[in-house]
Amino acid sequence: MVINLKLDKEKYLVHVKDKNQILNMRKLLDKVEIVLNKSLIQTTDFLDPYERRLSKSILNRFLDIEYEEIGGIDEAERKIIIIFPPYIQIEDINNYINALSIEVDNVNLSHRDFLGGILNLGINRSKVGDILIHEGYAQTVVKREISDYILANLTKIGKHKVKVKEIHLDSLKKAEVDYLIRKTTLSSLRLDVLISGALNLSRSISQKLISSGRVKVNWEPIDKTAKDIEEGDIISVKGFGRFILNSIEGTSKKGRIKVELKLLK
């Protein structure tokens, strides 16, 4: 008997307020339909933590599917979601992603350099997971479907020759992220105040950055300048980088809030 279940997608999208994510969540529901109707395993492309939170808010409403998140290492920022019927046994959960090592001689390239080299091949960012930077080389996780293409075509990054080889996922090593520690005092924990203190910008510039859609908190786009930030929150500002409100350390004699920030170098 052929099942042809048609989901009422609008019902599952009511809570998604981010208009930029509606299309992605519709695609997710298309995959759910395929799993339910055809009992086929489906995978998303790589999603950041915010996109996965939204995805799971939908997937958790279905009792007759299972899902797993994988990104090569447990700490991966970007992961794919595998969706499958509960009665299907996935023998190798990692069979949908590949790990590559990209070696370059006598120069240390940045995350932006390695990512740019891959994307310049015409590859969509959603097909590429984390890029782990090490001394003289990088490791990256990609969807299996583009792995051979990268192996065959990625020979240079900028003017630097590179060697690409496939490695086992167990060979992936967590990257050592280099942060600059900054201690400062703030009048409040509002987002605009925090950006001003972290990046040495005026409040008006910080507010314009937020209202123009260039700021994310924990990967979620935020356009409200008065949003309160909590300890451990990650703030990224397009064109300026990323920083973490690492700790809140009490108040000064003048009543200002003492904080420690970690700025990604």
C-alpha atoms as a PDB file:
ATOM      1  CA  MET A   1       0.000   0.000   0.000  1.00  0.00           C
ATOM      2  CA  VAL A   2       1.445   3.353  -1.094  1.00  0.00           C
ATOM      3  CA  ILE A   3       1.196   6.130   1.458  1.00  0.00           C
ATOM      4  CA  ASN A   4       0.887   9.656   0.094  1.00  0.00           C
ATOM      5  CA  LEU A   5       0.781  11.836   3.173  1.00  0.00           C
ATOM      6  CA  LYS A   6       0.646  15.549   2.430  1.00  0.00           C
ATOM      7  CA  LEU A   7       1.771  17.688   5.337  1.00  0.00           C
ATOM      8  CA  ASP A   8       0.061  20.919   6.249  1.00  0.00           C
ATOM      9  CA  LYS A   9       3.322  22.857   6.154  1.00  0.00           C
ATOM     10  CA  GLU A  10       1.825  26.133   7.338  1.00  0.00           C
ATOM     11  CA  LYS A  11       0.845  24.464  10.608  1.00  0.00           C
ATOM     12  CA  TYR A  12       4.456  23.500  11.275  1.00  0.00           C
ATOM     13  CA  LEU A  13       5.828  26.914  10.287  1.00  0.00           C
ATOM     14  CA  VAL A  14       3.606  29.158  12.429  1.00  0.00           C
ATOM     15  CA  HIS A  15       6.275  29.596  15.101  1.00  0.00           C
ATOM     16  CA  VAL A  16       9.090  30.429  12.640  1.00  0.00           C
ATOM     17  CA  LYS A  17       9.273  34.226  12.761  1.00  0.00           C
ATOM     18  CA  ASP A  18      12.507  34.552  10.768  1.00  0.00           C
ATOM     19  CA  LYS A  19      11.341  35.107   7.186  1.00  0.00           C
ATOM     20  CA  ASN A  20      14.789  34.220   5.873  1.00  0.00           C
ATOM     21  CA  GLN A  21      14.381  30.702   7.271  1.00  0.00           C
ATOM     22  CA  ILE A  22      10.892  29.900   5.952  1.00  0.00           C
ATOM     23  CA  LEU A  23      12.215  28.415   2.691  1.00  0.00           C
ATOM     24  CA  ASN A  24      14.788  26.274   4.526  1.00  0.00           C
ATOM     25  CA  MET A  25      12.132  24.927   6.876  1.00  0.00           C
ATOM     26  CA  ARG A  26       9.831  24.165   3.928  1.00  0.00           C
ATOM     27  CA  LYS A  27      12.649  22.133   2.392  1.00  0.00           C
ATOM     28  CA  LEU A  28      13.026  20.321   5.701  1.00  0.00           C
ATOM     29  CA  LEU A  29       9.325  19.444   5.690  1.00  0.00           C
ATOM     30  CA  ASP A  30       9.683  18.172   2.115  1.00  0.00           C
ATOM     31  CA  LYS A  31      12.307  15.760   3.401  1.00  0.00           C
ATOM     32  CA  VAL A  32      10.040  14.690   6.248  1.00  0.00           C
ATOM     33  CA  GLU A  33       7.318  13.908   3.704  1.00  0.00           C
ATOM     34  CA  ILE A  34       9.715  11.711   1.728  1.00  0.00           C
ATOM     35  CA  VAL A  35      10.732   9.818   4.870  1.00  0.00           C
ATOM     36  CA  LEU A  36       7.109   9.272   5.884  1.00  0.00           C
ATOM     37  CA  ASN A  37       5.848   8.335   2.411  1.00  0.00           C
ATOM     38  CA  LYS A  38       8.763   6.400   0.933  1.00  0.00           C
ATOM     39  CA  SER A  39      10.773   5.267   3.977  1.00  0.00           C
ATOM     40  CA  LEU A  40      13.905   6.786   2.445  1.00  0.00           C
ATOM     41  CA  ILE A  41      16.746   8.286   4.459  1.00  0.00           C
ATOM     42  CA  GLN A  42      17.073  12.033   3.909  1.00  0.00           C
ATOM     43  CA  THR A  43      19.830  14.468   4.847  1.00  0.00           C
ATOM     44  CA  THR A  44      19.971  18.238   5.124  1.00  0.00           C
ATOM     45  CA  ASP A  45      22.962  20.286   4.074  1.00  0.00           C
ATOM     46  CA  PHE A  46      25.187  21.716   6.813  1.00  0.00           C
ATOM     47  CA  LEU A  47      23.292  23.899   9.265  1.00  0.00           C
ATOM     48  CA  ASP A  48      24.557  26.279  11.936  1.00  0.00           C
ATOM     49  CA  PRO A  49      23.313  25.927  15.539  1.00  0.00           C
ATOM     50  CA  TYR A  50      20.455  28.403  15.021  1.00  0.00           C
ATOM     51  CA  GLU A  51      19.238  26.623  11.883  1.00  0.00           C
ATOM     52  CA  ARG A  52      19.400  23.294  13.701  1.00  0.00           C
ATOM     53  CA  ARG A  53      17.400  24.681  16.635  1.00  0.00           C
ATOM     54  CA  LEU A  54      14.667  25.725  14.224  1.00  0.00           C
ATOM     55  CA  SER A  55      14.844  22.379  12.420  1.00  0.00           C
ATOM     56  CA  LYS A  56      14.536  20.399  15.636  1.00  0.00           C
ATOM     57  CA  SER A  57      11.571  22.503  16.752  1.00  0.00           C
ATOM     58  CA  ILE A  58       9.808  21.028  13.711  1.00  0.00           C
ATOM     59  CA  LEU A  59      11.274  17.507  13.680  1.00  0.00           C
ATOM     60  CA  ASN A  60      10.402  16.941  17.345  1.00  0.00           C
ATOM     61  CA  ARG A  61       6.705  17.220  16.465  1.00  0.00           C
ATOM     62  CA  PHE A  62       6.823  13.996  14.435  1.00  0.00           C
ATOM     63  CA  LEU A  63       6.654  10.782  16.472  1.00  0.00           C
ATOM     64  CA  ASP A  64       7.240   8.454  13.517  1.00  0.00           C
ATOM     65  CA  ILE A  65      10.654   9.677  12.408  1.00  0.00           C
ATOM     66  CA  GLU A  66      14.119   9.680  13.956  1.00  0.00           C
ATOM     67  CA  TYR A  67      16.996  12.064  13.321  1.00  0.00           C
ATOM     68  CA  GLU A  68      20.694  12.418  14.082  1.00  0.00           C
ATOM     69  CA  GLU A  69      23.086  15.369  13.829  1.00  0.00           C
ATOM     70  CA  ILE A  70      26.647  14.814  12.608  1.00  0.00           C
ATOM     71  CA  GLY A  71      29.501  17.177  11.807  1.00  0.00           C
ATOM     72  CA  GLY A  72      32.636  15.065  12.012  1.00  0.00           C
ATOM     73  CA  ILE A  73      33.452  15.974  15.620  1.00  0.00           C
ATOM     74  CA  ASP A  74      31.108  16.402  18.568  1.00  0.00           C
ATOM     75  CA  GLU A  75      32.079  20.067  18.959  1.00  0.00           C
ATOM     76  CA  ALA A  76      31.349  20.903  15.303  1.00  0.00           C
ATOM     77  CA  GLU A  77      29.541  24.193  14.785  1.00  0.00           C
ATOM     78  CA  ARG A  78      28.039  23.143  11.463  1.00  0.00           C
ATOM     79  CA  LYS A  79      26.289  19.774  11.205  1.00  0.00           C
ATOM     80  CA  ILE A  80      23.915  17.939   8.891  1.00  0.00           C
ATOM     81  CA  ILE A  81      20.720  16.315  10.103  1.00  0.00           C
ATOM     82  CA  ILE A  82      19.918  12.770   8.963  1.00  0.00           C
ATOM     83  CA  ILE A  83      16.183  11.976   8.998  1.00  0.00           C
ATOM     84  CA  PHE A  84      14.950   8.376   8.816  1.00  0.00           C
ATOM     85  CA  PRO A  85      12.096   6.045   9.838  1.00  0.00           C
ATOM     86  CA  PRO A  86      12.566   4.528  13.307  1.00  0.00           C
ATOM     87  CA  TYR A  87      12.559   0.979  11.939  1.00  0.00           C
ATOM     88  CA  ILE A  88      15.529   1.599   9.601  1.00  0.00           C
ATOM     89  CA  GLN A  89      18.949   0.720  10.980  1.00  0.00           C
ATOM     90  CA  ILE A  90      21.640   3.137   9.848  1.00  0.00           C
ATOM     91  CA  GLU A  91      24.779   0.989   9.878  1.00  0.00           C
ATOM     92  CA  ASP A  92      27.188   3.871   9.342  1.00  0.00           C
ATOM     93  CA  ILE A  93      25.785   7.181  10.505  1.00  0.00           C
ATOM     94  CA  ASN A  94      28.858   8.984   9.144  1.00  0.00           C
ATOM     95  CA  ASN A  95      28.418   7.657   5.605  1.00  0.00           C
ATOM     96  CA  TYR A  96      26.984  10.985   4.433  1.00  0.00           C
ATOM     97  CA  ILE A  97      30.010  13.203   5.073  1.00  0.00           C
ATOM     98  CA  ASN A  98      33.706  13.078   4.203  1.00  0.00           C
ATOM     99  CA  ALA A  99      36.748  14.624   5.861  1.00  0.00           C
ATOM    100  CA  LEU A 100      39.522  16.254   3.837  1.00  0.00           C
ATOM    101  CA  SER A 101      42.971  17.548   4.730  1.00  0.00           C
ATOM    102  CA  ILE A 102      44.238  20.598   2.817  1.00  0.00           C
ATOM    103  CA  GLU A 103      47.991  21.077   3.118  1.00  0.00           C
ATOM    104  CA  VAL A 104      49.933  24.187   2.132  1.00  0.00           C
ATOM    105  CA  ASP A 105      53.728  24.638   2.309  1.00  0.00           C
ATOM    106  CA  ASN A 106      55.551  27.381   4.178  1.00  0.00           C
ATOM    107  CA  VAL A 107      52.568  29.631   4.890  1.00  0.00           C
ATOM    108  CA  ASN A 108      49.709  29.761   7.371  1.00  0.00           C
ATOM    109  CA  LEU A 109      46.388  30.538   5.738  1.00  0.00           C
ATOM    110  CA  SER A 110      43.295  31.761   7.560  1.00  0.00           C
ATOM    111  CA  HIS A 111      39.847  30.215   7.832  1.00  0.00           C
ATOM    112  CA  ARG A 112      38.656  32.792   5.281  1.00  0.00           C
ATOM    113  CA  ASP A 113      41.415  31.748   2.856  1.00  0.00           C
ATOM    114  CA  PHE A 114      40.551  28.035   2.997  1.00  0.00           C
ATOM    115  CA  LEU A 115      36.818  28.663   2.772  1.00  0.00           C
ATOM    116  CA  GLY A 116      37.299  31.070  -0.140  1.00  0.00           C
ATOM    117  CA  GLY A 117      39.413  28.517  -1.998  1.00  0.00           C
ATOM    118  CA  ILE A 118      36.666  25.914  -1.713  1.00  0.00           C
ATOM    119  CA  LEU A 119      33.805  28.271  -2.606  1.00  0.00           C
ATOM    120  CA  ASN A 120      35.738  29.583  -5.633  1.00  0.00           C
ATOM    121  CA  LEU A 121      35.240  26.127  -7.155  1.00  0.00           C
ATOM    122  CA  GLY A 122      31.546  26.997  -7.422  1.00  0.00           C
ATOM    123  CA  ILE A 123      30.581  25.021  -4.327  1.00  0.00           C
ATOM    124  CA  ASN A 124      27.719  26.224  -2.164  1.00  0.00           C
ATOM    125  CA  ARG A 125      28.609  27.079   1.449  1.00  0.00           C
ATOM    126  CA  SER A 126      25.852  24.759   2.676  1.00  0.00           C
ATOM    127  CA  LYS A 127      27.810  21.748   1.370  1.00  0.00           C
ATOM    128  CA  VAL A 128      30.802  22.540   3.610  1.00  0.00           C
ATOM    129  CA  GLY A 129      30.954  21.956   7.342  1.00  0.00           C
ATOM    130  CA  ASP A 130      33.550  23.186   9.818  1.00  0.00           C
ATOM    131  CA  ILE A 131      37.027  24.162   8.670  1.00  0.00           C
ATOM    132  CA  LEU A 132      39.541  23.306  11.382  1.00  0.00           C
ATOM    133  CA  ILE A 133      42.723  25.383  11.134  1.00  0.00           C
ATOM    134  CA  HIS A 134      46.052  23.863  12.184  1.00  0.00           C
ATOM    135  CA  GLU A 135      49.711  24.757  11.643  1.00  0.00           C
ATOM    136  CA  GLY A 136      50.360  24.483   7.897  1.00  0.00           C
ATOM    137  CA  TYR A 137      47.096  22.769   6.992  1.00  0.00           C
ATOM    138  CA  ALA A 138      43.365  22.664   7.522  1.00  0.00           C
ATOM    139  CA  GLN A 139      40.855  19.870   7.940  1.00  0.00           C
ATOM    140  CA  THR A 140      37.322  20.233   6.663  1.00  0.00           C
ATOM    141  CA  VAL A 141      34.127  18.210   6.564  1.00  0.00           C
ATOM    142  CA  VAL A 142      32.008  18.189   3.401  1.00  0.00           C
ATOM    143  CA  LYS A 143      28.944  16.438   2.026  1.00  0.00           C
ATOM    144  CA  ARG A 144      30.068  13.188   0.413  1.00  0.00           C
ATOM    145  CA  GLU A 145      28.544  14.236  -2.924  1.00  0.00           C
ATOM    146  CA  ILE A 146      31.121  17.006  -3.468  1.00  0.00           C
ATOM    147  CA  SER A 147      34.165  15.304  -1.955  1.00  0.00           C
ATOM    148  CA  ASP A 148      35.597  13.898  -5.204  1.00  0.00           C
ATOM    149  CA  TYR A 149      35.090  17.221  -6.979  1.00  0.00           C
ATOM    150  CA  ILE A 150      37.159  19.049  -4.369  1.00  0.00           C
ATOM    151  CA  LEU A 151      39.848  16.364  -4.444  1.00  0.00           C
ATOM    152  CA  ALA A 152      40.160  16.744  -8.217  1.00  0.00           C
ATOM    153  CA  ASN A 153      39.914  20.503  -8.527  1.00  0.00           C
ATOM    154  CA  LEU A 154      41.284  22.233  -5.449  1.00  0.00           C
ATOM    155  CA  THR A 155      44.938  22.732  -6.376  1.00  0.00           C
ATOM    156  CA  LYS A 156      45.515  26.351  -5.328  1.00  0.00           C
ATOM    157  CA  ILE A 157      44.260  28.777  -2.701  1.00  0.00           C
ATOM    158  CA  GLY A 158      45.062  32.223  -3.954  1.00  0.00           C
ATOM    159  CA  LYS A 159      48.617  31.957  -5.272  1.00  0.00           C
ATOM    160  CA  HIS A 160      49.533  29.075  -2.963  1.00  0.00           C
ATOM    161  CA  LYS A 161      49.590  25.474  -4.157  1.00  0.00           C
ATOM    162  CA  VAL A 162      47.760  23.022  -1.910  1.00  0.00           C
ATOM    163  CA  LYS A 163      47.505  19.262  -1.599  1.00  0.00           C
ATOM    164  CA  VAL A 164      44.127  17.776  -0.757  1.00  0.00           C
ATOM    165  CA  LYS A 165      43.585  14.246   0.490  1.00  0.00           C
ATOM    166  CA  GLU A 166      40.731  12.340   2.046  1.00  0.00           C
ATOM    167  CA  ILE A 167      41.203  11.381   5.686  1.00  0.00           C
ATOM    168  CA  HIS A 168      39.234   9.292   8.141  1.00  0.00           C
ATOM    169  CA  LEU A 169      36.749  11.202  10.268  1.00  0.00           C
ATOM    170  CA  ASP A 170      38.541   9.874  13.347  1.00  0.00           C
ATOM    171  CA  SER A 171      41.589  11.902  12.229  1.00  0.00           C
ATOM    172  CA  LEU A 172      39.796  15.212  12.729  1.00  0.00           C
ATOM    173  CA  LYS A 173      41.309  17.362  15.475  1.00  0.00           C
ATOM    174  CA  LYS A 174      39.542  20.176  17.259  1.00  0.00           C
ATOM    175  CA  ALA A 175      40.987  23.509  16.173  1.00  0.00           C
ATOM    176  CA  GLU A 176      42.664  25.708  18.749  1.00  0.00           C
ATOM    177  CA  VAL A 177      40.754  28.995  18.579  1.00  0.00           C
ATOM    178  CA  ASP A 178      42.836  32.051  19.432  1.00  0.00           C
ATOM    179  CA  TYR A 179      40.945  34.700  21.416  1.00  0.00           C
ATOM    180  CA  LEU A 180      41.886  38.144  22.650  1.00  0.00           C
ATOM    181  CA  ILE A 181      40.691  38.710  26.235  1.00  0.00           C
ATOM    182  CA  ARG A 182      39.264  42.132  26.978  1.00  0.00           C
ATOM    183  CA  LYS A 183      37.988  43.296  30.358  1.00  0.00           C
ATOM    184  CA  THR A 184      35.785  46.372  30.420  1.00  0.00           C
ATOM    185  CA  THR A 185      32.805  47.973  32.154  1.00  0.00           C
ATOM    186  CA  LEU A 186      29.408  48.590  30.589  1.00  0.00           C
ATOM    187  CA  SER A 187      26.391  50.664  31.515  1.00  0.00           C
ATOM    188  CA  SER A 188      24.112  47.689  30.727  1.00  0.00           C
ATOM    189  CA  LEU A 189      24.052  44.306  28.959  1.00  0.00           C
ATOM    190  CA  ARG A 190      22.038  45.611  26.006  1.00  0.00           C
ATOM    191  CA  LEU A 191      23.269  44.346  22.650  1.00  0.00           C
ATOM    192  CA  ASP A 192      24.168  47.803  21.324  1.00  0.00           C
ATOM    193  CA  VAL A 193      26.088  48.636  24.499  1.00  0.00           C
ATOM    194  CA  LEU A 194      27.991  45.356  24.350  1.00  0.00           C
ATOM    195  CA  ILE A 195      28.964  45.819  20.690  1.00  0.00           C
ATOM    196  CA  SER A 196      30.173  49.341  21.426  1.00  0.00           C
ATOM    197  CA  GLY A 197      32.310  48.127  24.332  1.00  0.00           C
ATOM    198  CA  ALA A 198      33.704  45.100  22.507  1.00  0.00           C
ATOM    199  CA  LEU A 199      34.509  46.752  19.172  1.00  0.00           C
ATOM    200  CA  ASN A 200      35.232  50.338  20.308  1.00  0.00           C
ATOM    201  CA  LEU A 201      32.352  51.723  18.280  1.00  0.00           C
ATOM    202  CA  SER A 202      29.910  54.507  19.091  1.00  0.00           C
ATOM    203  CA  ARG A 203      26.425  53.550  20.271  1.00  0.00           C
ATOM    204  CA  SER A 204      24.905  55.056  17.117  1.00  0.00           C
ATOM    205  CA  ILE A 205      27.112  52.947  14.841  1.00  0.00           C
ATOM    206  CA  SER A 206      26.354  49.824  16.898  1.00  0.00           C
ATOM    207  CA  GLN A 207      22.640  50.519  16.607  1.00  0.00           C
ATOM    208  CA  LYS A 208      22.896  50.977  12.830  1.00  0.00           C
ATOM    209  CA  LEU A 209      24.757  47.662  12.508  1.00  0.00           C
ATOM    210  CA  ILE A 210      21.980  45.904  14.431  1.00  0.00           C
ATOM    211  CA  SER A 211      19.076  47.546  12.602  1.00  0.00           C
ATOM    212  CA  SER A 212      20.684  46.843   9.201  1.00  0.00           C
ATOM    213  CA  GLY A 213      20.714  43.085   9.868  1.00  0.00           C
ATOM    214  CA  ARG A 214      24.461  42.652  10.316  1.00  0.00           C
ATOM    215  CA  VAL A 215      24.351  41.219  13.843  1.00  0.00           C
ATOM    216  CA  LYS A 216      23.649  37.702  15.081  1.00  0.00           C
ATOM    217  CA  VAL A 217      23.396  36.408  18.636  1.00  0.00           C
ATOM    218  CA  ASN A 218      24.071  32.687  18.947  1.00  0.00           C
ATOM    219  CA  TRP A 219      23.802  32.564  15.121  1.00  0.00           C
ATOM    220  CA  GLU A 220      20.290  34.058  15.169  1.00  0.00           C
ATOM    221  CA  PRO A 221      19.791  37.356  13.293  1.00  0.00           C
ATOM    222  CA  ILE A 222      18.805  40.077  15.765  1.00  0.00           C
ATOM    223  CA  ASP A 223      17.524  43.532  14.867  1.00  0.00           C
ATOM    224  CA  LYS A 224      16.537  44.746  18.345  1.00  0.00           C
ATOM    225  CA  THR A 225      19.157  47.066  19.852  1.00  0.00           C
ATOM    226  CA  ALA A 226      17.767  46.637  23.384  1.00  0.00           C
ATOM    227  CA  LYS A 227      18.103  42.842  23.468  1.00  0.00           C
ATOM    228  CA  ASP A 228      19.712  41.746  26.743  1.00  0.00           C
ATOM    229  CA  ILE A 229      22.785  39.554  26.355  1.00  0.00           C
ATOM    230  CA  GLU A 230      23.574  36.735  28.768  1.00  0.00           C
ATOM    231  CA  GLU A 231      26.828  35.182  29.910  1.00  0.00           C
ATOM    232  CA  GLY A 232      28.138  32.761  27.279  1.00  0.00           C
ATOM    233  CA  ASP A 233      26.263  34.375  24.369  1.00  0.00           C
ATOM    234  CA  ILE A 234      28.155  34.576  21.073  1.00  0.00           C
ATOM    235  CA  ILE A 235      27.784  37.790  19.093  1.00  0.00           C
ATOM    236  CA  SER A 236      28.895  38.130  15.479  1.00  0.00           C
ATOM    237  CA  VAL A 237      28.972  41.413  13.579  1.00  0.00           C
ATOM    238  CA  LYS A 238      29.380  41.198   9.821  1.00  0.00           C
ATOM    239  CA  GLY A 239      32.595  42.946   8.836  1.00  0.00           C
ATOM    240  CA  PHE A 240      33.911  43.060  12.415  1.00  0.00           C
ATOM    241  CA  GLY A 241      34.115  39.446  13.579  1.00  0.00           C
ATOM    242  CA  ARG A 242      32.828  37.508  16.542  1.00  0.00           C
ATOM    243  CA  PHE A 243      33.092  37.778  20.317  1.00  0.00           C
ATOM    244  CA  ILE A 244      31.747  36.058  23.425  1.00  0.00           C
ATOM    245  CA  LEU A 245      30.425  37.571  26.646  1.00  0.00           C
ATOM    246  CA  ASN A 246      32.660  35.232  28.588  1.00  0.00           C
ATOM    247  CA  SER A 247      31.799  36.279  32.121  1.00  0.00           C
ATOM    248  CA  ILE A 248      29.969  38.905  34.180  1.00  0.00           C
ATOM    249  CA  GLU A 249      32.150  39.898  37.110  1.00  0.00           C
ATOM    250  CA  GLY A 250      30.019  42.108  39.327  1.00  0.00           C
ATOM    251  CA  THR A 251      29.681  45.881  39.395  1.00  0.00           C
ATOM    252  CA  SER A 252      32.156  48.720  39.794  1.00  0.00           C
ATOM    253  CA  LYS A 253      31.976  51.415  42.465  1.00  0.00           C
ATOM    254  CA  LYS A 254      30.242  53.620  39.903  1.00  0.00           C
ATOM    255  CA  GLY A 255      27.580  50.968  39.306  1.00  0.00           C
ATOM    256  CA  ARG A 256      28.845  49.827  35.914  1.00  0.00           C
ATOM    257  CA  ILE A 257      28.831  46.138  35.009  1.00  0.00           C
ATOM    258  CA  LYS A 258      32.265  44.516  34.869  1.00  0.00           C
ATOM    259  CA  VAL A 259      32.601  41.944  32.068  1.00  0.00           C
ATOM    260  CA  GLU A 260      35.204  39.789  30.380  1.00  0.00           C
ATOM    261  CA  LEU A 261      34.955  39.478  26.596  1.00  0.00           C
ATOM    262  CA  LYS A 262      36.681  36.980  24.314  1.00  0.00           C
ATOM    263  CA  LEU A 263      37.275  38.374  20.839  1.00  0.00           C
ATOM    264  CA  LEU A 264      38.109  35.983  18.026  1.00  0.00           C
ATOM    265  CA  LYS A 265      41.402  37.049  16.455  1.00  0.00           C
END
